[in-house]
């Protein structure tokens, strides 16, 4: 019995000298914050749209700025393994209740954007 106890003590003592971070990495969650504005949603924006139409296409901005009532900022951040991978900003400006202009960065679309509906569609092989 003493031999088993002594063997267990030496086995456990050997494990404590190893750095566990070298063989076990902690799990880091992927954290997305903000509005994910894609290229296909930007392609749907047209100057002259109402605020309600822009909100339908892009969603509500995360923060309403009372000092810039005619500007909506859509912020998007992506963190992986505790590090910031993406940091995008897309801004739309209004004149009154009508979309005036927009600019910024957008995420790539899941599928190609078709801007001209009158163009012939590609045939599948």
N, C-alpha and C. Protein backbone atom coordinates (compact mmCIF):
# COMPACT_ATOMS: atom_id res chain seq x y z
N UNK A 1 0.82 -1.18 0.00
CA UNK A 1 0.00 0.00 0.00
C UNK A 1 0.87 1.26 0.00
N UNK A 2 1.98 1.21 0.75
CA UNK A 2 2.88 2.35 0.77
C UNK A 2 3.47 2.61 -0.61
N UNK A 3 3.76 1.52 -1.30
CA UNK A 3 4.34 1.66 -2.62
C UNK A 3 3.37 2.38 -3.57
N UNK A 4 2.08 2.05 -3.53
CA UNK A 4 1.09 2.70 -4.39
C UNK A 4 0.92 4.17 -4.03
N UNK A 5 0.94 4.47 -2.74
CA UNK A 5 0.82 5.87 -2.31
C UNK A 5 2.03 6.66 -2.78
N UNK A 6 3.21 6.08 -2.61
CA UNK A 6 4.45 6.74 -3.03
C UNK A 6 4.47 6.93 -4.55
N UNK A 7 4.02 5.98 -5.31
CA UNK A 7 3.97 6.08 -6.77
C UNK A 7 2.99 7.17 -7.19
N UNK A 8 1.84 7.26 -6.51
CA UNK A 8 0.86 8.30 -6.83
C UNK A 8 1.41 9.68 -6.54
N UNK A 9 2.13 9.82 -5.43
CA UNK A 9 2.72 11.12 -5.07
C UNK A 9 3.75 11.53 -6.12
N UNK A 10 4.61 10.62 -6.55
CA UNK A 10 5.62 10.95 -7.57
C UNK A 10 4.96 11.26 -8.93
N UNK A 11 3.90 10.55 -9.25
CA UNK A 11 3.22 10.80 -10.53
C UNK A 11 2.58 12.18 -10.52
N UNK A 12 1.94 12.51 -9.43
CA UNK A 12 1.31 13.83 -9.35
C UNK A 12 2.34 14.94 -9.26
N UNK A 13 3.44 14.70 -8.58
CA UNK A 13 4.50 15.71 -8.49
C UNK A 13 5.12 15.96 -9.86
N UNK A 14 5.23 14.93 -10.68
CA UNK A 14 5.77 15.08 -12.03
C UNK A 14 4.83 15.90 -12.91
N UNK A 15 3.54 15.77 -12.69
CA UNK A 15 2.56 16.51 -13.51
C UNK A 15 2.58 18.01 -13.20
N UNK A 16 2.87 18.37 -11.97
CA UNK A 16 2.83 19.78 -11.61
C UNK A 16 4.00 20.54 -12.20
N UNK A 17 5.08 19.86 -12.56
CA UNK A 17 6.22 20.57 -13.13
C UNK A 17 6.00 20.92 -14.60
N UNK A 18 5.00 20.30 -15.23
CA UNK A 18 4.72 20.60 -16.64
C UNK A 18 3.82 21.84 -16.72
N UNK A 19 4.00 22.60 -17.77
CA UNK A 19 3.15 23.75 -18.01
C UNK A 19 1.91 23.27 -18.77
N UNK A 20 0.73 23.32 -18.13
CA UNK A 20 -0.47 22.79 -18.81
C UNK A 20 -0.89 23.62 -20.01
N UNK A 21 -0.45 24.87 -20.12
CA UNK A 21 -0.83 25.71 -21.24
C UNK A 21 -0.16 25.27 -22.53
N UNK A 22 0.90 24.46 -22.43
CA UNK A 22 1.58 24.01 -23.64
C UNK A 22 0.84 22.86 -24.31
N UNK A 23 0.05 22.12 -23.57
CA UNK A 23 -0.66 21.00 -24.18
C UNK A 23 -2.18 21.12 -24.12
N UNK A 24 -2.71 22.08 -23.38
CA UNK A 24 -4.15 22.33 -23.35
C UNK A 24 -4.36 23.83 -23.53
N UNK A 25 -4.99 24.19 -24.64
CA UNK A 25 -5.27 25.61 -24.89
C UNK A 25 -6.70 25.92 -24.44
N UNK A 26 -6.90 27.05 -23.79
CA UNK A 26 -8.26 27.40 -23.37
C UNK A 26 -9.12 27.73 -24.58
N UNK A 27 -10.41 27.52 -24.42
CA UNK A 27 -11.35 27.80 -25.51
C UNK A 27 -11.66 29.29 -25.54
N UNK A 28 -11.54 29.89 -26.71
CA UNK A 28 -11.89 31.29 -26.90
C UNK A 28 -13.10 31.36 -27.82
N UNK A 29 -14.12 32.05 -27.37
CA UNK A 29 -15.33 32.19 -28.17
C UNK A 29 -15.12 33.22 -29.27
N UNK A 30 -15.86 33.02 -30.38
CA UNK A 30 -15.91 34.02 -31.43
C UNK A 30 -17.00 35.00 -31.06
N UNK A 31 -16.65 36.27 -30.94
CA UNK A 31 -17.61 37.28 -30.48
C UNK A 31 -17.85 38.27 -31.61
N UNK A 32 -19.11 38.39 -32.01
CA UNK A 32 -19.50 39.37 -33.02
C UNK A 32 -20.31 40.45 -32.32
N UNK A 33 -19.95 41.69 -32.58
CA UNK A 33 -20.67 42.81 -31.98
C UNK A 33 -21.07 43.78 -33.06
N UNK A 34 -22.30 44.26 -32.99
CA UNK A 34 -22.75 45.28 -33.92
C UNK A 34 -23.61 44.71 -35.03
N UNK A 35 -23.76 45.51 -36.09
CA UNK A 35 -24.58 45.14 -37.25
C UNK A 35 -23.68 44.58 -38.34
N UNK A 36 -24.01 43.41 -38.83
CA UNK A 36 -23.27 42.80 -39.92
C UNK A 36 -23.87 43.29 -41.24
N UNK A 37 -23.30 44.34 -41.81
CA UNK A 37 -23.77 44.91 -43.08
C UNK A 37 -23.02 44.19 -44.20
N UNK A 38 -23.77 43.55 -45.11
CA UNK A 38 -23.15 42.82 -46.21
C UNK A 38 -23.25 43.61 -47.51
N UNK A 39 -22.47 43.20 -48.48
CA UNK A 39 -22.45 43.87 -49.78
C UNK A 39 -23.81 43.80 -50.47
N UNK A 40 -24.54 42.69 -50.29
CA UNK A 40 -25.84 42.59 -50.94
C UNK A 40 -26.86 43.55 -50.32
N UNK A 41 -26.76 43.80 -49.01
CA UNK A 41 -27.67 44.79 -48.41
C UNK A 41 -27.30 46.20 -48.85
N UNK A 42 -26.01 46.48 -49.04
CA UNK A 42 -25.58 47.80 -49.52
C UNK A 42 -26.06 47.99 -50.96
N UNK A 43 -26.06 46.92 -51.76
CA UNK A 43 -26.51 47.02 -53.14
C UNK A 43 -28.00 47.37 -53.23
N UNK A 44 -28.76 47.08 -52.19
CA UNK A 44 -30.19 47.40 -52.18
C UNK A 44 -30.48 48.86 -51.82
N UNK A 45 -29.49 49.55 -51.28
CA UNK A 45 -29.69 50.95 -50.89
C UNK A 45 -29.74 51.86 -52.11
N UNK A 46 -30.67 52.77 -52.12
CA UNK A 46 -30.80 53.75 -53.20
C UNK A 46 -31.06 55.12 -52.57
N UNK A 47 -30.36 56.16 -53.05
CA UNK A 47 -30.67 57.50 -52.55
C UNK A 47 -32.15 57.81 -52.78
N UNK A 48 -32.77 58.45 -51.80
CA UNK A 48 -34.19 58.76 -51.88
C UNK A 48 -35.05 57.82 -51.06
N UNK A 49 -34.46 56.74 -50.52
CA UNK A 49 -35.22 55.82 -49.66
C UNK A 49 -35.55 56.52 -48.35
N UNK A 50 -36.66 56.15 -47.74
CA UNK A 50 -37.03 56.71 -46.44
C UNK A 50 -36.23 56.03 -45.34
N UNK A 51 -36.28 56.61 -44.16
CA UNK A 51 -35.60 56.01 -43.00
C UNK A 51 -36.15 54.62 -42.71
N UNK A 52 -37.45 54.46 -42.84
CA UNK A 52 -38.06 53.15 -42.59
C UNK A 52 -37.56 52.11 -43.59
N UNK A 53 -37.39 52.49 -44.84
CA UNK A 53 -36.89 51.56 -45.85
C UNK A 53 -35.44 51.20 -45.58
N UNK A 54 -34.63 52.16 -45.18
CA UNK A 54 -33.23 51.88 -44.85
C UNK A 54 -33.16 50.97 -43.62
N UNK A 55 -33.99 51.22 -42.64
CA UNK A 55 -34.03 50.37 -41.44
C UNK A 55 -34.44 48.94 -41.81
N UNK A 56 -35.35 48.79 -42.79
CA UNK A 56 -35.77 47.46 -43.24
C UNK A 56 -34.61 46.72 -43.91
N UNK A 57 -33.81 47.43 -44.70
CA UNK A 57 -32.70 46.81 -45.43
C UNK A 57 -31.51 46.53 -44.52
N UNK A 58 -31.10 47.51 -43.70
CA UNK A 58 -29.89 47.38 -42.90
C UNK A 58 -30.13 46.99 -41.45
N UNK A 59 -31.34 47.21 -40.97
CA UNK A 59 -31.61 47.01 -39.55
C UNK A 59 -31.42 48.31 -38.80
N UNK A 60 -31.75 48.30 -37.54
CA UNK A 60 -31.59 49.49 -36.71
C UNK A 60 -30.14 49.64 -36.29
N UNK A 61 -29.62 50.87 -36.29
CA UNK A 61 -28.25 51.06 -35.81
C UNK A 61 -28.17 50.75 -34.32
N UNK A 62 -27.01 50.30 -33.87
CA UNK A 62 -26.84 49.91 -32.47
C UNK A 62 -26.97 51.10 -31.52
N UNK A 63 -26.49 52.26 -31.94
CA UNK A 63 -26.53 53.44 -31.08
C UNK A 63 -27.17 54.59 -31.85
N UNK A 64 -28.14 55.23 -31.22
CA UNK A 64 -28.77 56.41 -31.82
C UNK A 64 -28.06 57.64 -31.25
N UNK A 65 -27.44 58.43 -32.11
CA UNK A 65 -26.69 59.60 -31.69
C UNK A 65 -27.59 60.83 -31.76
N UNK A 66 -27.91 61.40 -30.63
CA UNK A 66 -28.82 62.54 -30.62
C UNK A 66 -28.18 63.82 -31.17
N UNK A 67 -26.85 63.85 -31.26
CA UNK A 67 -26.17 65.02 -31.80
C UNK A 67 -26.06 64.97 -33.32
N UNK A 68 -26.22 63.78 -33.89
CA UNK A 68 -26.16 63.60 -35.35
C UNK A 68 -27.41 62.84 -35.77
N UNK A 69 -28.56 63.49 -35.71
CA UNK A 69 -29.84 62.83 -36.00
C UNK A 69 -29.96 62.43 -37.46
N UNK A 70 -29.21 63.08 -38.35
CA UNK A 70 -29.29 62.76 -39.78
C UNK A 70 -28.20 61.79 -40.21
N UNK A 71 -27.56 61.11 -39.27
CA UNK A 71 -26.51 60.15 -39.59
C UNK A 71 -26.70 58.89 -38.75
N UNK A 72 -26.64 57.74 -39.40
CA UNK A 72 -26.68 56.46 -38.69
C UNK A 72 -25.35 55.76 -38.93
N UNK A 73 -24.73 55.31 -37.85
CA UNK A 73 -23.47 54.56 -37.93
C UNK A 73 -23.74 53.11 -37.58
N UNK A 74 -23.29 52.22 -38.44
CA UNK A 74 -23.39 50.78 -38.22
C UNK A 74 -21.97 50.26 -37.97
N UNK A 75 -21.70 49.89 -36.74
CA UNK A 75 -20.37 49.41 -36.33
C UNK A 75 -20.41 47.90 -36.23
N UNK A 76 -19.35 47.24 -36.71
CA UNK A 76 -19.24 45.79 -36.62
C UNK A 76 -17.83 45.42 -36.20
N UNK A 77 -17.74 44.56 -35.18
CA UNK A 77 -16.45 44.07 -34.72
C UNK A 77 -16.52 42.56 -34.57
N UNK A 78 -15.43 41.89 -34.90
CA UNK A 78 -15.33 40.44 -34.76
C UNK A 78 -14.06 40.12 -34.01
N UNK A 79 -14.21 39.37 -32.92
CA UNK A 79 -13.08 38.94 -32.10
C UNK A 79 -12.98 37.42 -32.18
N UNK A 80 -11.77 36.92 -32.47
CA UNK A 80 -11.50 35.48 -32.46
C UNK A 80 -10.24 35.25 -31.64
N UNK A 81 -10.31 34.27 -30.76
CA UNK A 81 -9.19 33.95 -29.87
C UNK A 81 -8.72 35.17 -29.08
N UNK A 82 -9.66 36.01 -28.70
CA UNK A 82 -9.34 37.17 -27.89
C UNK A 82 -8.71 38.33 -28.64
N UNK A 83 -8.62 38.22 -29.98
CA UNK A 83 -8.00 39.28 -30.78
C UNK A 83 -9.03 39.81 -31.78
N UNK A 84 -8.97 41.11 -32.01
CA UNK A 84 -9.88 41.73 -32.97
C UNK A 84 -9.46 41.36 -34.39
N UNK A 85 -10.39 40.74 -35.12
CA UNK A 85 -10.11 40.31 -36.49
C UNK A 85 -10.65 41.31 -37.50
N UNK A 86 -11.87 41.81 -37.25
CA UNK A 86 -12.49 42.79 -38.15
C UNK A 86 -13.04 43.95 -37.34
N UNK A 87 -12.94 45.13 -37.93
CA UNK A 87 -13.49 46.33 -37.33
C UNK A 87 -14.00 47.20 -38.49
N UNK A 88 -15.31 47.15 -38.73
CA UNK A 88 -15.89 47.82 -39.88
C UNK A 88 -16.87 48.91 -39.44
N UNK A 89 -16.98 49.95 -40.25
CA UNK A 89 -17.92 51.02 -40.00
C UNK A 89 -18.62 51.36 -41.31
N UNK A 90 -19.96 51.39 -41.28
CA UNK A 90 -20.77 51.78 -42.43
C UNK A 90 -21.68 52.90 -41.97
N UNK A 91 -21.71 54.00 -42.72
CA UNK A 91 -22.47 55.18 -42.31
C UNK A 91 -23.44 55.58 -43.41
N UNK A 92 -24.67 55.94 -43.01
CA UNK A 92 -25.67 56.48 -43.93
C UNK A 92 -26.06 57.87 -43.45
N UNK A 93 -26.27 58.79 -44.40
CA UNK A 93 -26.68 60.15 -44.10
C UNK A 93 -28.05 60.42 -44.71
N UNK A 94 -28.85 61.18 -43.99
CA UNK A 94 -30.19 61.54 -44.44
C UNK A 94 -30.29 63.06 -44.57
N UNK A 95 -31.17 63.47 -45.45
CA UNK A 95 -31.60 64.88 -45.51
C UNK A 95 -33.08 64.84 -45.22
N UNK A 96 -33.42 65.24 -44.01
CA UNK A 96 -34.81 65.10 -43.56
C UNK A 96 -35.10 63.64 -43.30
N UNK A 97 -36.06 63.09 -44.03
CA UNK A 97 -36.43 61.69 -43.86
C UNK A 97 -35.97 60.83 -45.04
N UNK A 98 -35.10 61.38 -45.90
CA UNK A 98 -34.71 60.71 -47.15
C UNK A 98 -33.21 60.42 -47.14
N UNK A 99 -32.84 59.21 -47.60
CA UNK A 99 -31.43 58.82 -47.69
C UNK A 99 -30.71 59.69 -48.70
N UNK A 100 -29.62 60.32 -48.25
CA UNK A 100 -28.84 61.20 -49.10
C UNK A 100 -27.63 60.47 -49.68
N UNK A 101 -26.82 59.85 -48.81
CA UNK A 101 -25.62 59.14 -49.26
C UNK A 101 -25.21 58.11 -48.21
N UNK A 102 -24.29 57.24 -48.58
CA UNK A 102 -23.79 56.22 -47.67
C UNK A 102 -22.37 55.85 -48.08
N UNK A 103 -21.58 55.41 -47.10
CA UNK A 103 -20.21 54.98 -47.36
C UNK A 103 -19.72 54.12 -46.22
N UNK A 104 -18.68 53.38 -46.49
CA UNK A 104 -18.07 52.56 -45.45
C UNK A 104 -17.73 51.17 -45.95
N UNK A 105 -17.40 50.31 -45.01
CA UNK A 105 -16.99 48.95 -45.31
C UNK A 105 -18.14 47.99 -45.03
N UNK A 106 -18.23 46.97 -45.87
CA UNK A 106 -19.27 45.95 -45.70
C UNK A 106 -18.63 44.58 -45.76
N UNK A 107 -19.29 43.62 -45.16
CA UNK A 107 -18.84 42.23 -45.21
C UNK A 107 -19.14 41.65 -46.58
N UNK A 108 -18.34 40.70 -47.05
CA UNK A 108 -18.63 40.06 -48.34
C UNK A 108 -19.97 39.32 -48.28
N UNK A 109 -20.64 39.25 -49.42
CA UNK A 109 -21.92 38.56 -49.50
C UNK A 109 -21.70 37.05 -49.51
N UNK A 110 -22.74 36.33 -49.09
CA UNK A 110 -22.68 34.87 -49.15
C UNK A 110 -22.77 34.37 -50.58
N UNK A 111 -23.47 35.12 -51.41
CA UNK A 111 -23.62 34.77 -52.83
C UNK A 111 -23.37 36.02 -53.66
N UNK A 112 -23.09 35.89 -54.95
CA UNK A 112 -22.81 37.07 -55.77
C UNK A 112 -23.99 38.03 -55.82
N UNK A 113 -23.68 39.30 -55.90
CA UNK A 113 -24.71 40.34 -55.97
C UNK A 113 -25.11 40.55 -57.42
N UNK A 114 -26.42 40.51 -57.70
CA UNK A 114 -26.93 40.77 -59.04
C UNK A 114 -27.58 42.14 -58.99
N UNK A 115 -26.94 43.11 -59.63
CA UNK A 115 -27.45 44.48 -59.59
C UNK A 115 -28.47 44.76 -60.68
N UNK A 116 -28.32 44.14 -61.85
CA UNK A 116 -29.19 44.40 -62.98
C UNK A 116 -30.11 43.21 -63.20
N UNK A 117 -31.39 43.37 -62.86
CA UNK A 117 -32.34 42.27 -63.00
C UNK A 117 -32.67 42.00 -64.46
N UNK A 118 -32.41 42.95 -65.38
CA UNK A 118 -32.73 42.73 -66.79
C UNK A 118 -31.64 41.95 -67.51
N UNK A 119 -30.48 41.76 -66.87
CA UNK A 119 -29.41 41.00 -67.50
C UNK A 119 -29.78 39.53 -67.55
N UNK A 120 -29.39 38.82 -68.63
CA UNK A 120 -29.73 37.39 -68.71
C UNK A 120 -29.00 36.60 -67.65
N UNK A 121 -29.69 35.63 -67.07
CA UNK A 121 -29.10 34.79 -66.03
C UNK A 121 -28.21 33.74 -66.66
N UNK A 122 -27.15 33.37 -65.96
CA UNK A 122 -26.25 32.34 -66.45
C UNK A 122 -26.93 30.98 -66.34
N UNK A 123 -26.74 30.14 -67.35
CA UNK A 123 -27.36 28.82 -67.34
C UNK A 123 -26.44 27.84 -66.62
N UNK A 124 -27.06 26.93 -65.90
CA UNK A 124 -26.31 25.91 -65.18
C UNK A 124 -25.85 24.86 -66.18
N UNK A 125 -24.65 24.29 -66.01
CA UNK A 125 -24.16 23.26 -66.95
C UNK A 125 -24.92 21.97 -66.82
